């Protein structure tokens, strides 16, 4: 569902927005159109278009996205380089997620890579 949301505040992993006058939801950094850098540009009560991704039935929390291709409901087309097991060169690590994985930027796309680390 596409909604007109209002920026409320920044959080450690994204932003908090309100919509339809009574609901609040979060947009995590990976679902901000320009990632973490875009989060710094929001001003109080700024209006933005967002799409609801899912609702957690138990906690009654909403997750939203501001990614252009999802807000416009257009599919994202991966190049032939993105195949299971492919080794990609020119990747830039943008964030480390503890011992679970990391986020990389490659050829204009931000991706999550599940990884296990051994720090000895």
PDB file of N, CA and C in Angstrom:
ATOM      1  N   UNK A   1       0.837  -1.166   0.000  1.00  0.00           N
ATOM      2  CA  UNK A   1       0.000   0.000   0.000  1.00  0.00           C
ATOM      3  C   UNK A   1       0.893   1.244   0.000  1.00  0.00           C
ATOM      4  N   UNK A   2       0.618   2.169  -0.884  1.00  0.00           N
ATOM      5  CA  UNK A   2       1.353   3.432  -0.978  1.00  0.00           C
ATOM      6  C   UNK A   2       0.709   4.438  -0.030  1.00  0.00           C
ATOM      7  N   UNK A   3       1.541   5.108   0.786  1.00  0.00           N
ATOM      8  CA  UNK A   3       1.021   6.076   1.753  1.00  0.00           C
ATOM      9  C   UNK A   3       1.813   7.372   1.689  1.00  0.00           C
ATOM     10  N   UNK A   4       1.190   8.455   2.105  1.00  0.00           N
ATOM     11  CA  UNK A   4       1.865   9.732   2.303  1.00  0.00           C
ATOM     12  C   UNK A   4       2.297   9.747   3.757  1.00  0.00           C
ATOM     13  N   UNK A   5       3.597   9.726   3.981  1.00  0.00           N
ATOM     14  CA  UNK A   5       4.139   9.645   5.329  1.00  0.00           C
ATOM     15  C   UNK A   5       4.753  10.982   5.736  1.00  0.00           C
ATOM     16  N   UNK A   6       4.903  11.154   7.032  1.00  0.00           N
ATOM     17  CA  UNK A   6       5.527  12.350   7.596  1.00  0.00           C
ATOM     18  C   UNK A   6       6.711  11.910   8.443  1.00  0.00           C
ATOM     19  N   UNK A   7       7.870  12.509   8.170  1.00  0.00           N
ATOM     20  CA  UNK A   7       9.073  12.200   8.939  1.00  0.00           C
ATOM     21  C   UNK A   7       8.885  12.635  10.388  1.00  0.00           C
ATOM     22  N   UNK A   8       9.218  11.722  11.320  1.00  0.00           N
ATOM     23  CA  UNK A   8       9.110  12.017  12.746  1.00  0.00           C
ATOM     24  C   UNK A   8      10.493  12.224  13.364  1.00  0.00           C
ATOM     25  N   UNK A   9      11.373  11.199  13.228  1.00  0.00           N
ATOM     26  CA  UNK A   9      12.700  11.299  13.829  1.00  0.00           C
ATOM     27  C   UNK A   9      13.643  10.263  13.239  1.00  0.00           C
ATOM     28  N   UNK A  10      14.939  10.500  13.433  1.00  0.00           N
ATOM     29  CA  UNK A  10      15.973   9.555  13.021  1.00  0.00           C
ATOM     30  C   UNK A  10      16.135   8.517  14.121  1.00  0.00           C
ATOM     31  N   UNK A  11      16.442   7.286  13.726  1.00  0.00           N
ATOM     32  CA  UNK A  11      16.765   6.230  14.681  1.00  0.00           C
ATOM     33  C   UNK A  11      18.135   5.690  14.329  1.00  0.00           C
ATOM     34  N   UNK A  12      18.642   4.790  15.136  1.00  0.00           N
ATOM     35  CA  UNK A  12      19.983   4.257  14.883  1.00  0.00           C
ATOM     36  C   UNK A  12      20.049   3.457  13.585  1.00  0.00           C
ATOM     37  N   UNK A  13      18.934   2.867  13.161  1.00  0.00           N
ATOM     38  CA  UNK A  13      18.977   2.046  11.950  1.00  0.00           C
ATOM     39  C   UNK A  13      17.999   2.512  10.872  1.00  0.00           C
ATOM     40  N   UNK A  14      17.560   3.779  10.924  1.00  0.00           N
ATOM     41  CA  UNK A  14      16.650   4.285   9.896  1.00  0.00           C
ATOM     42  C   UNK A  14      15.915   5.525  10.363  1.00  0.00           C
ATOM     43  N   UNK A  15      14.637   5.607   9.968  1.00  0.00           N
ATOM     44  CA  UNK A  15      13.810   6.748  10.373  1.00  0.00           C
ATOM     45  C   UNK A  15      12.446   6.258  10.835  1.00  0.00           C
ATOM     46  N   UNK A  16      11.812   7.070  11.653  1.00  0.00           N
ATOM     47  CA  UNK A  16      10.459   6.812  12.122  1.00  0.00           C
ATOM     48  C   UNK A  16       9.530   7.760  11.391  1.00  0.00           C
ATOM     49  N   UNK A  17       8.429   7.231  10.855  1.00  0.00           N
ATOM     50  CA  UNK A  17       7.464   8.045  10.122  1.00  0.00           C
ATOM     51  C   UNK A  17       6.064   7.790  10.672  1.00  0.00           C
ATOM     52  N   UNK A  18       5.161   8.736  10.424  1.00  0.00           N
ATOM     53  CA  UNK A  18       3.752   8.539  10.756  1.00  0.00           C
ATOM     54  C   UNK A  18       2.966   8.636   9.452  1.00  0.00           C
ATOM     55  N   UNK A  19       1.806   7.979   9.418  1.00  0.00           N
ATOM     56  CA  UNK A  19       0.981   8.002   8.208  1.00  0.00           C
ATOM     57  C   UNK A  19      -0.466   7.719   8.573  1.00  0.00           C
ATOM     58  N   UNK A  20      -1.358   8.153   7.706  1.00  0.00           N
ATOM     59  CA  UNK A  20      -2.801   7.996   7.899  1.00  0.00           C
ATOM     60  C   UNK A  20      -3.257   8.509   9.272  1.00  0.00           C
ATOM     61  N   UNK A  21      -2.577   9.509   9.772  1.00  0.00           N
ATOM     62  CA  UNK A  21      -2.897  10.245  10.990  1.00  0.00           C
ATOM     63  C   UNK A  21      -2.818   9.455  12.296  1.00  0.00           C
ATOM     64  N   UNK A  22      -2.790   8.136  12.265  1.00  0.00           N
ATOM     65  CA  UNK A  22      -2.776   7.372  13.513  1.00  0.00           C
ATOM     66  C   UNK A  22      -1.674   6.311  13.587  1.00  0.00           C
ATOM     67  N   UNK A  23      -1.040   5.989  12.467  1.00  0.00           N
ATOM     68  CA  UNK A  23      -0.066   4.909  12.452  1.00  0.00           C
ATOM     69  C   UNK A  23       1.363   5.443  12.421  1.00  0.00           C
ATOM     70  N   UNK A  24       2.269   4.653  12.999  1.00  0.00           N
ATOM     71  CA  UNK A  24       3.689   4.954  12.933  1.00  0.00           C
ATOM     72  C   UNK A  24       4.395   3.731  12.381  1.00  0.00           C
ATOM     73  N   UNK A  25       5.496   3.963  11.677  1.00  0.00           N
ATOM     74  CA  UNK A  25       6.264   2.868  11.119  1.00  0.00           C
ATOM     75  C   UNK A  25       7.726   3.264  10.977  1.00  0.00           C
ATOM     76  N   UNK A  26       8.542   2.289  10.628  1.00  0.00           N
ATOM     77  CA  UNK A  26       9.963   2.550  10.451  1.00  0.00           C
ATOM     78  C   UNK A  26      10.386   2.257   9.021  1.00  0.00           C
ATOM     79  N   UNK A  27      11.368   3.020   8.577  1.00  0.00           N
ATOM     80  CA  UNK A  27      12.036   2.778   7.301  1.00  0.00           C
ATOM     81  C   UNK A  27      13.496   2.557   7.658  1.00  0.00           C
ATOM     82  N   UNK A  28      13.982   1.318   7.501  1.00  0.00           N
ATOM     83  CA  UNK A  28      15.375   1.040   7.847  1.00  0.00           C
ATOM     84  C   UNK A  28      16.297   1.626   6.778  1.00  0.00           C
ATOM     85  N   UNK A  29      17.569   1.816   7.141  1.00  0.00           N
ATOM     86  CA  UNK A  29      18.539   2.435   6.229  1.00  0.00           C
ATOM     87  C   UNK A  29      18.555   1.783   4.854  1.00  0.00           C
ATOM     88  N   UNK A  30      18.417   0.476   4.786  1.00  0.00           N
ATOM     89  CA  UNK A  30      18.462  -0.226   3.510  1.00  0.00           C
ATOM     90  C   UNK A  30      17.263   0.097   2.632  1.00  0.00           C
ATOM     91  N   UNK A  31      16.208   0.647   3.209  1.00  0.00           N
ATOM     92  CA  UNK A  31      15.027   1.002   2.436  1.00  0.00           C
ATOM     93  C   UNK A  31      14.852   2.503   2.257  1.00  0.00           C
ATOM     94  N   UNK A  32      15.862   3.280   2.662  1.00  0.00           N
ATOM     95  CA  UNK A  32      15.894   4.699   2.329  1.00  0.00           C
ATOM     96  C   UNK A  32      16.478   4.806   0.935  1.00  0.00           C
ATOM     97  N   UNK A  33      15.938   5.665   0.117  1.00  0.00           N
ATOM     98  CA  UNK A  33      16.344   5.734  -1.289  1.00  0.00           C
ATOM     99  C   UNK A  33      17.851   5.904  -1.468  1.00  0.00           C
ATOM    100  N   UNK A  34      18.486   6.729  -0.660  1.00  0.00           N
ATOM    101  CA  UNK A  34      19.939   6.919  -0.767  1.00  0.00           C
ATOM    102  C   UNK A  34      20.672   6.362   0.446  1.00  0.00           C
ATOM    103  N   UNK A  35      20.037   5.480   1.199  1.00  0.00           N
ATOM    104  CA  UNK A  35      20.682   4.849   2.337  1.00  0.00           C
ATOM    105  C   UNK A  35      20.886   5.797   3.505  1.00  0.00           C
ATOM    106  N   UNK A  36      21.919   5.546   4.262  1.00  0.00           N
ATOM    107  CA  UNK A  36      22.185   6.289   5.488  1.00  0.00           C
ATOM    108  C   UNK A  36      22.366   7.782   5.233  1.00  0.00           C
ATOM    109  N   UNK A  37      22.978   8.155   4.114  1.00  0.00           N
ATOM    110  CA  UNK A  37      23.214   9.572   3.810  1.00  0.00           C
ATOM    111  C   UNK A  37      21.900  10.331   3.692  1.00  0.00           C
ATOM    112  N   UNK A  38      20.875   9.693   3.129  1.00  0.00           N
ATOM    113  CA  UNK A  38      19.587  10.367   2.959  1.00  0.00           C
ATOM    114  C   UNK A  38      18.941  10.656   4.308  1.00  0.00           C
ATOM    115  N   UNK A  39      19.173   9.796   5.283  1.00  0.00           N
ATOM    116  CA  UNK A  39      18.571   9.970   6.601  1.00  0.00           C
ATOM    117  C   UNK A  39      18.948  11.323   7.199  1.00  0.00           C
ATOM    118  N   UNK A  40      20.140  11.791   6.923  1.00  0.00           N
ATOM    119  CA  UNK A  40      20.623  13.058   7.476  1.00  0.00           C
ATOM    120  C   UNK A  40      19.903  14.258   6.860  1.00  0.00           C
ATOM    121  N   UNK A  41      19.261  14.086   5.718  1.00  0.00           N
ATOM    122  CA  UNK A  41      18.640  15.198   5.004  1.00  0.00           C
ATOM    123  C   UNK A  41      17.200  15.478   5.431  1.00  0.00           C
ATOM    124  N   UNK A  42      16.575  14.579   6.175  1.00  0.00           N
ATOM    125  CA  UNK A  42      15.172  14.767   6.547  1.00  0.00           C
ATOM    126  C   UNK A  42      15.010  15.865   7.596  1.00  0.00           C
ATOM    127  N   UNK A  43      13.945  16.610   7.459  1.00  0.00           N
ATOM    128  CA  UNK A  43      13.596  17.692   8.380  1.00  0.00           C
ATOM    129  C   UNK A  43      12.294  17.317   9.089  1.00  0.00           C
ATOM    130  N   UNK A  44      12.065  17.829  10.308  1.00  0.00           N
ATOM    131  CA  UNK A  44      10.813  17.524  11.023  1.00  0.00           C
ATOM    132  C   UNK A  44       9.577  17.864  10.182  1.00  0.00           C
ATOM    133  N   UNK A  45       8.614  16.976  10.215  1.00  0.00           N
ATOM    134  CA  UNK A  45       7.325  17.106   9.495  1.00  0.00           C
ATOM    135  C   UNK A  45       7.456  17.095   7.976  1.00  0.00           C
ATOM    136  N   UNK A  46       8.602  16.661   7.460  1.00  0.00           N
ATOM    137  CA  UNK A  46       8.773  16.558   6.005  1.00  0.00           C
ATOM    138  C   UNK A  46       7.879  15.450   5.463  1.00  0.00           C
ATOM    139  N   UNK A  47       7.224  15.705   4.339  1.00  0.00           N
ATOM    140  CA  UNK A  47       6.334  14.731   3.703  1.00  0.00           C
ATOM    141  C   UNK A  47       7.137  13.863   2.740  1.00  0.00           C
ATOM    142  N   UNK A  48       6.804  12.580   2.677  1.00  0.00           N
ATOM    143  CA  UNK A  48       7.444  11.679   1.737  1.00  0.00           C
ATOM    144  C   UNK A  48       6.487  10.565   1.364  1.00  0.00           C
ATOM    145  N   UNK A  49       6.708   9.988   0.202  1.00  0.00           N
ATOM    146  CA  UNK A  49       5.919   8.842  -0.256  1.00  0.00           C
ATOM    147  C   UNK A  49       6.638   7.582   0.206  1.00  0.00           C
ATOM    148  N   UNK A  50       5.879   6.653   0.722  1.00  0.00           N
ATOM    149  CA  UNK A  50       6.444   5.385   1.180  1.00  0.00           C
ATOM    150  C   UNK A  50       5.450   4.271   0.878  1.00  0.00           C
ATOM    151  N   UNK A  51       5.973   3.075   0.784  1.00  0.00           N
ATOM    152  CA  UNK A  51       5.122   1.909   0.558  1.00  0.00           C
ATOM    153  C   UNK A  51       5.272   0.967   1.746  1.00  0.00           C
ATOM    154  N   UNK A  52       4.151   0.473   2.245  1.00  0.00           N
ATOM    155  CA  UNK A  52       4.176  -0.478   3.355  1.00  0.00           C
ATOM    156  C   UNK A  52       4.680  -1.817   2.834  1.00  0.00           C
ATOM    157  N   UNK A  53       5.724  -2.336   3.474  1.00  0.00           N
ATOM    158  CA  UNK A  53       6.268  -3.643   3.095  1.00  0.00           C
ATOM    159  C   UNK A  53       5.566  -4.769   3.831  1.00  0.00           C
ATOM    160  N   UNK A  54       5.450  -4.609   5.147  1.00  0.00           N
ATOM    161  CA  UNK A  54       4.761  -5.631   5.933  1.00  0.00           C
ATOM    162  C   UNK A  54       4.361  -5.065   7.281  1.00  0.00           C
ATOM    163  N   UNK A  55       3.469  -5.795   7.940  1.00  0.00           N
ATOM    164  CA  UNK A  55       3.023  -5.453   9.286  1.00  0.00           C
ATOM    165  C   UNK A  55       3.314  -6.659  10.164  1.00  0.00           C
ATOM    166  N   UNK A  56       4.052  -6.449  11.246  1.00  0.00           N
ATOM    167  CA  UNK A  56       4.297  -7.515  12.215  1.00  0.00           C
ATOM    168  C   UNK A  56       3.038  -7.640  13.068  1.00  0.00           C
ATOM    169  N   UNK A  57       2.324  -8.743  12.915  1.00  0.00           N
ATOM    170  CA  UNK A  57       1.026  -8.913  13.575  1.00  0.00           C
ATOM    171  C   UNK A  57       1.139  -8.927  15.097  1.00  0.00           C
ATOM    172  N   UNK A  58       2.227  -9.498  15.631  1.00  0.00           N
ATOM    173  CA  UNK A  58       2.342  -9.581  17.088  1.00  0.00           C
ATOM    174  C   UNK A  58       2.661  -8.230  17.717  1.00  0.00           C
ATOM    175  N   UNK A  59       3.648  -7.523  17.158  1.00  0.00           N
ATOM    176  CA  UNK A  59       4.036  -6.238  17.753  1.00  0.00           C
ATOM    177  C   UNK A  59       3.244  -5.074  17.168  1.00  0.00           C
ATOM    178  N   UNK A  60       2.498  -5.342  16.102  1.00  0.00           N
ATOM    179  CA  UNK A  60       1.702  -4.318  15.411  1.00  0.00           C
ATOM    180  C   UNK A  60       2.575  -3.168  14.904  1.00  0.00           C
ATOM    181  N   UNK A  61       3.761  -3.516  14.395  1.00  0.00           N
ATOM    182  CA  UNK A  61       4.679  -2.525  13.848  1.00  0.00           C
ATOM    183  C   UNK A  61       4.676  -2.600  12.334  1.00  0.00           C
ATOM    184  N   UNK A  62       4.807  -1.418  11.700  1.00  0.00           N
ATOM    185  CA  UNK A  62       4.822  -1.315  10.246  1.00  0.00           C
ATOM    186  C   UNK A  62       6.250  -1.113   9.759  1.00  0.00           C
ATOM    187  N   UNK A  63       6.594  -1.787   8.665  1.00  0.00           N
ATOM    188  CA  UNK A  63       7.867  -1.562   7.991  1.00  0.00           C
ATOM    189  C   UNK A  63       7.544  -0.967   6.628  1.00  0.00           C
ATOM    190  N   UNK A  64       8.234   0.133   6.283  1.00  0.00           N
ATOM    191  CA  UNK A  64       7.969   0.831   5.028  1.00  0.00           C
ATOM    192  C   UNK A  64       9.256   0.972   4.231  1.00  0.00           C
ATOM    193  N   UNK A  65       9.110   1.380   2.978  1.00  0.00           N
ATOM    194  CA  UNK A  65      10.249   1.631   2.105  1.00  0.00           C
ATOM    195  C   UNK A  65      10.044   2.941   1.354  1.00  0.00           C
ATOM    196  N   UNK A  66      11.164   3.602   1.029  1.00  0.00           N
ATOM    197  CA  UNK A  66      11.112   4.779   0.161  1.00  0.00           C
ATOM    198  C   UNK A  66      11.929   4.532  -1.105  1.00  0.00           C
ATOM    199  N   UNK A  67      12.357   3.278  -1.328  1.00  0.00           N
ATOM    200  CA  UNK A  67      13.122   2.961  -2.539  1.00  0.00           C
ATOM    201  C   UNK A  67      12.261   3.250  -3.768  1.00  0.00           C
ATOM    202  N   UNK A  68      12.829   3.995  -4.697  1.00  0.00           N
ATOM    203  CA  UNK A  68      12.086   4.486  -5.855  1.00  0.00           C
ATOM    204  C   UNK A  68      11.380   3.369  -6.620  1.00  0.00           C
ATOM    205  N   UNK A  69      12.087   2.271  -6.896  1.00  0.00           N
ATOM    206  CA  UNK A  69      11.474   1.211  -7.702  1.00  0.00           C
ATOM    207  C   UNK A  69      10.345   0.494  -6.959  1.00  0.00           C
ATOM    208  N   UNK A  70      10.384   0.481  -5.627  1.00  0.00           N
ATOM    209  CA  UNK A  70       9.293  -0.137  -4.875  1.00  0.00           C
ATOM    210  C   UNK A  70       8.117   0.817  -4.699  1.00  0.00           C
ATOM    211  N   UNK A  71       8.408   2.101  -4.479  1.00  0.00           N
ATOM    212  CA  UNK A  71       7.330   3.087  -4.368  1.00  0.00           C
ATOM    213  C   UNK A  71       6.584   3.177  -5.699  1.00  0.00           C
ATOM    214  N   UNK A  72       7.329   3.119  -6.811  1.00  0.00           N
ATOM    215  CA  UNK A  72       6.708   3.179  -8.140  1.00  0.00           C
ATOM    216  C   UNK A  72       6.165   1.821  -8.582  1.00  0.00           C
ATOM    217  N   UNK A  73       6.418   0.774  -7.788  1.00  0.00           N
ATOM    218  CA  UNK A  73       5.967  -0.588  -8.078  1.00  0.00           C
ATOM    219  C   UNK A  73       6.569  -1.122  -9.369  1.00  0.00           C
ATOM    220  N   UNK A  74       7.861  -0.852  -9.568  1.00  0.00           N
ATOM    221  CA  UNK A  74       8.584  -1.338 -10.740  1.00  0.00           C
ATOM    222  C   UNK A  74       9.598  -2.390 -10.303  1.00  0.00           C
ATOM    223  N   UNK A  75       9.773  -3.447 -11.073  1.00  0.00           N
ATOM    224  CA  UNK A  75      10.753  -4.463 -10.697  1.00  0.00           C
ATOM    225  C   UNK A  75      12.173  -3.946 -10.864  1.00  0.00           C
ATOM    226  N   UNK A  76      13.077  -4.457 -10.039  1.00  0.00           N
ATOM    227  CA  UNK A  76      14.496  -4.128 -10.160  1.00  0.00           C
ATOM    228  C   UNK A  76      15.141  -5.215 -11.006  1.00  0.00           C
ATOM    229  N   UNK A  77      15.845  -4.836 -12.063  1.00  0.00           N
ATOM    230  CA  UNK A  77      16.460  -5.813 -12.962  1.00  0.00           C
ATOM    231  C   UNK A  77      17.932  -5.971 -12.641  1.00  0.00           C
ATOM    232  N   UNK A  78      18.310  -7.188 -12.280  1.00  0.00           N
ATOM    233  CA  UNK A  78      19.702  -7.491 -11.988  1.00  0.00           C
ATOM    234  C   UNK A  78      20.434  -7.794 -13.283  1.00  0.00           C
ATOM    235  N   UNK A  79      21.708  -7.444 -13.321  1.00  0.00           N
ATOM    236  CA  UNK A  79      22.506  -7.751 -14.505  1.00  0.00           C
ATOM    237  C   UNK A  79      22.894  -9.227 -14.469  1.00  0.00           C
ATOM    238  N   UNK A  80      23.475  -9.707 -15.527  1.00  0.00           N
ATOM    239  CA  UNK A  80      23.905 -11.104 -15.623  1.00  0.00           C
ATOM    240  C   UNK A  80      25.017 -11.428 -14.623  1.00  0.00           C
ATOM    241  N   UNK A  81      25.691 -10.401 -14.092  1.00  0.00           N
ATOM    242  CA  UNK A  81      26.776 -10.625 -13.135  1.00  0.00           C
ATOM    243  C   UNK A  81      26.272 -11.148 -11.797  1.00  0.00           C
ATOM    244  N   UNK A  82      24.996 -10.918 -11.482  1.00  0.00           N
ATOM    245  CA  UNK A  82      24.445 -11.309 -10.195  1.00  0.00           C
ATOM    246  C   UNK A  82      23.858 -12.713 -10.271  1.00  0.00           C
ATOM    247  N   UNK A  83      24.706 -13.712 -10.155  1.00  0.00           N
ATOM    248  CA  UNK A  83      24.265 -15.105 -10.138  1.00  0.00           C
ATOM    249  C   UNK A  83      24.749 -15.753  -8.860  1.00  0.00           C
ATOM    250  N   UNK A  84      24.057 -16.768  -8.418  1.00  0.00           N
ATOM    251  CA  UNK A  84      24.430 -17.473  -7.202  1.00  0.00           C
ATOM    252  C   UNK A  84      25.860 -17.983  -7.303  1.00  0.00           C
ATOM    253  N   UNK A  85      26.677 -17.626  -6.336  1.00  0.00           N
ATOM    254  CA  UNK A  85      28.062 -18.077  -6.294  1.00  0.00           C
ATOM    255  C   UNK A  85      29.028 -17.226  -7.098  1.00  0.00           C
ATOM    256  N   UNK A  86      28.537 -16.182  -7.754  1.00  0.00           N
ATOM    257  CA  UNK A  86      29.417 -15.334  -8.569  1.00  0.00           C
ATOM    258  C   UNK A  86      30.377 -14.549  -7.674  1.00  0.00           C
ATOM    259  N   UNK A  87      31.593 -14.363  -8.155  1.00  0.00           N
ATOM    260  CA  UNK A  87      32.582 -13.548  -7.469  1.00  0.00           C
ATOM    261  C   UNK A  87      32.571 -12.180  -8.143  1.00  0.00           C
ATOM    262  N   UNK A  88      32.237 -11.153  -7.396  1.00  0.00           N
ATOM    263  CA  UNK A  88      32.115  -9.820  -7.949  1.00  0.00           C
ATOM    264  C   UNK A  88      33.305  -8.969  -7.524  1.00  0.00           C
ATOM    265  N   UNK A  89      33.858  -8.247  -8.466  1.00  0.00           N
ATOM    266  CA  UNK A  89      34.974  -7.356  -8.173  1.00  0.00           C
ATOM    267  C   UNK A  89      34.442  -5.929  -8.093  1.00  0.00           C
ATOM    268  N   UNK A  90      35.152  -5.090  -7.377  1.00  0.00           N
ATOM    269  CA  UNK A  90      34.761  -3.688  -7.268  1.00  0.00           C
ATOM    270  C   UNK A  90      33.683  -3.438  -6.231  1.00  0.00           C
ATOM    271  N   UNK A  91      33.485  -4.365  -5.298  1.00  0.00           N
ATOM    272  CA  UNK A  91      32.494  -4.179  -4.237  1.00  0.00           C
ATOM    273  C   UNK A  91      33.071  -3.278  -3.152  1.00  0.00           C
ATOM    274  N   UNK A  92      32.211  -2.448  -2.582  1.00  0.00           N
ATOM    275  CA  UNK A  92      32.624  -1.581  -1.486  1.00  0.00           C
ATOM    276  C   UNK A  92      31.769  -1.925  -0.279  1.00  0.00           C
ATOM    277  N   UNK A  93      32.401  -2.310   0.824  1.00  0.00           N
ATOM    278  CA  UNK A  93      31.672  -2.621   2.050  1.00  0.00           C
ATOM    279  C   UNK A  93      31.185  -1.315   2.651  1.00  0.00           C
ATOM    280  N   UNK A  94      29.860  -1.205   2.856  1.00  0.00           N
ATOM    281  CA  UNK A  94      29.293   0.030   3.396  1.00  0.00           C
ATOM    282  C   UNK A  94      28.943  -0.092   4.876  1.00  0.00           C
ATOM    283  N   UNK A  95      28.695  -1.323   5.345  1.00  0.00           N
ATOM    284  CA  UNK A  95      28.365  -1.496   6.752  1.00  0.00           C
ATOM    285  C   UNK A  95      28.529  -2.939   7.171  1.00  0.00           C
ATOM    286  N   UNK A  96      29.031  -3.153   8.365  1.00  0.00           N
ATOM    287  CA  UNK A  96      29.192  -4.474   8.946  1.00  0.00           C
ATOM    288  C   UNK A  96      28.073  -4.691   9.948  1.00  0.00           C
ATOM    289  N   UNK A  97      27.374  -5.806   9.842  1.00  0.00           N
ATOM    290  CA  UNK A  97      26.267  -6.127  10.741  1.00  0.00           C
ATOM    291  C   UNK A  97      26.713  -7.178  11.752  1.00  0.00           C
ATOM    292  N   UNK A  98      27.484  -6.750  12.713  1.00  0.00           N
ATOM    293  CA  UNK A  98      27.941  -7.670  13.758  1.00  0.00           C
ATOM    294  C   UNK A  98      28.624  -8.882  13.163  1.00  0.00           C
ATOM    295  N   UNK A  99      28.224 -10.054  13.615  1.00  0.00           N
ATOM    296  CA  UNK A  99      28.802 -11.300  13.098  1.00  0.00           C
ATOM    297  C   UNK A  99      27.859 -11.987  12.122  1.00  0.00           C
ATOM    298  N   UNK A 100      26.812 -11.258  11.666  1.00  0.00           N
ATOM    299  CA  UNK A 100      25.809 -11.859  10.779  1.00  0.00           C
ATOM    300  C   UNK A 100      26.114 -11.678   9.307  1.00  0.00           C
ATOM    301  N   UNK A 101      26.680 -10.544   8.942  1.00  0.00           N
ATOM    302  CA  UNK A 101      26.917 -10.280   7.531  1.00  0.00           C
ATOM    303  C   UNK A 101      27.347  -8.847   7.317  1.00  0.00           C
ATOM    304  N   UNK A 102      27.254  -8.405   6.072  1.00  0.00           N
ATOM    305  CA  UNK A 102      27.653  -7.050   5.746  1.00  0.00           C
ATOM    306  C   UNK A 102      26.877  -6.535   4.558  1.00  0.00           C
ATOM    307  N   UNK A 103      26.883  -5.219   4.410  1.00  0.00           N
ATOM    308  CA  UNK A 103      26.236  -4.567   3.282  1.00  0.00           C
ATOM    309  C   UNK A 103      27.328  -4.092   2.337  1.00  0.00           C
ATOM    310  N   UNK A 104      27.123  -4.344   1.054  1.00  0.00           N
ATOM    311  CA  UNK A 104      28.094  -3.913   0.047  1.00  0.00           C
ATOM    312  C   UNK A 104      27.369  -3.137  -1.047  1.00  0.00           C
ATOM    313  N   UNK A 105      28.106  -2.263  -1.692  1.00  0.00           N
ATOM    314  CA  UNK A 105      27.578  -1.537  -2.840  1.00  0.00           C
ATOM    315  C   UNK A 105      28.366  -2.035  -4.043  1.00  0.00           C
ATOM    316  N   UNK A 106      27.657  -2.475  -5.064  1.00  0.00           N
ATOM    317  CA  UNK A 106      28.291  -2.984  -6.271  1.00  0.00           C
ATOM    318  C   UNK A 106      27.451  -2.581  -7.474  1.00  0.00           C
ATOM    319  N   UNK A 107      28.086  -1.964  -8.422  1.00  0.00           N
ATOM    320  CA  UNK A 107      27.423  -1.537  -9.658  1.00  0.00           C
ATOM    321  C   UNK A 107      26.133  -0.777  -9.393  1.00  0.00           C
ATOM    322  N   UNK A 108      26.148   0.118  -8.398  1.00  0.00           N
ATOM    323  CA  UNK A 108      24.993   0.958  -8.106  1.00  0.00           C
ATOM    324  C   UNK A 108      23.934   0.324  -7.232  1.00  0.00           C
ATOM    325  N   UNK A 109      24.068  -0.946  -6.899  1.00  0.00           N
ATOM    326  CA  UNK A 109      23.079  -1.623  -6.061  1.00  0.00           C
ATOM    327  C   UNK A 109      23.658  -1.871  -4.676  1.00  0.00           C
ATOM    328  N   UNK A 110      22.835  -1.705  -3.657  1.00  0.00           N
ATOM    329  CA  UNK A 110      23.262  -2.035  -2.306  1.00  0.00           C
ATOM    330  C   UNK A 110      22.741  -3.425  -1.996  1.00  0.00           C
ATOM    331  N   UNK A 111      23.603  -4.289  -1.493  1.00  0.00           N
ATOM    332  CA  UNK A 111      23.252  -5.689  -1.267  1.00  0.00           C
ATOM    333  C   UNK A 111      23.647  -6.116   0.137  1.00  0.00           C
ATOM    334  N   UNK A 112      22.931  -7.087   0.656  1.00  0.00           N
ATOM    335  CA  UNK A 112      23.280  -7.697   1.934  1.00  0.00           C
ATOM    336  C   UNK A 112      23.958  -9.025   1.643  1.00  0.00           C
ATOM    337  N   UNK A 113      25.068  -9.271   2.310  1.00  0.00           N
ATOM    338  CA  UNK A 113      25.808 -10.518   2.135  1.00  0.00           C
ATOM    339  C   UNK A 113      25.829 -11.225   3.482  1.00  0.00           C
ATOM    340  N   UNK A 114      25.221 -12.402   3.529  1.00  0.00           N
ATOM    341  CA  UNK A 114      25.250 -13.179   4.761  1.00  0.00           C
ATOM    342  C   UNK A 114      26.622 -13.821   4.863  1.00  0.00           C
ATOM    343  N   UNK A 115      27.239 -13.662   5.994  1.00  0.00           N
ATOM    344  CA  UNK A 115      28.599 -14.181   6.146  1.00  0.00           C
ATOM    345  C   UNK A 115      28.801 -14.600   7.588  1.00  0.00           C
ATOM    346  N   UNK A 116      29.734 -15.514   7.770  1.00  0.00           N
ATOM    347  CA  UNK A 116      30.137 -15.876   9.137  1.00  0.00           C
ATOM    348  C   UNK A 116      31.602 -15.482   9.285  1.00  0.00           C
ATOM    349  N   UNK A 117      31.899 -14.888  10.415  1.00  0.00           N
ATOM    350  CA  UNK A 117      33.240 -14.379  10.642  1.00  0.00           C
ATOM    351  C   UNK A 117      33.872 -15.117  11.803  1.00  0.00           C
ATOM    352  N   UNK A 118      35.162 -15.261  11.731  1.00  0.00           N
ATOM    353  CA  UNK A 118      35.917 -15.837  12.824  1.00  0.00           C
ATOM    354  C   UNK A 118      37.025 -14.861  13.190  1.00  0.00           C
ATOM    355  N   UNK A 119      36.859 -14.187  14.306  1.00  0.00           N
ATOM    356  CA  UNK A 119      37.866 -13.223  14.768  1.00  0.00           C
ATOM    357  C   UNK A 119      38.711 -13.909  15.820  1.00  0.00           C
ATOM    358  N   UNK A 120      39.895 -14.321  15.458  1.00  0.00           N
ATOM    359  CA  UNK A 120      40.770 -15.012  16.419  1.00  0.00           C
ATOM    360  C   UNK A 120      41.982 -14.200  16.718  1.00  0.00           C
TER     361      UNK A 120
END
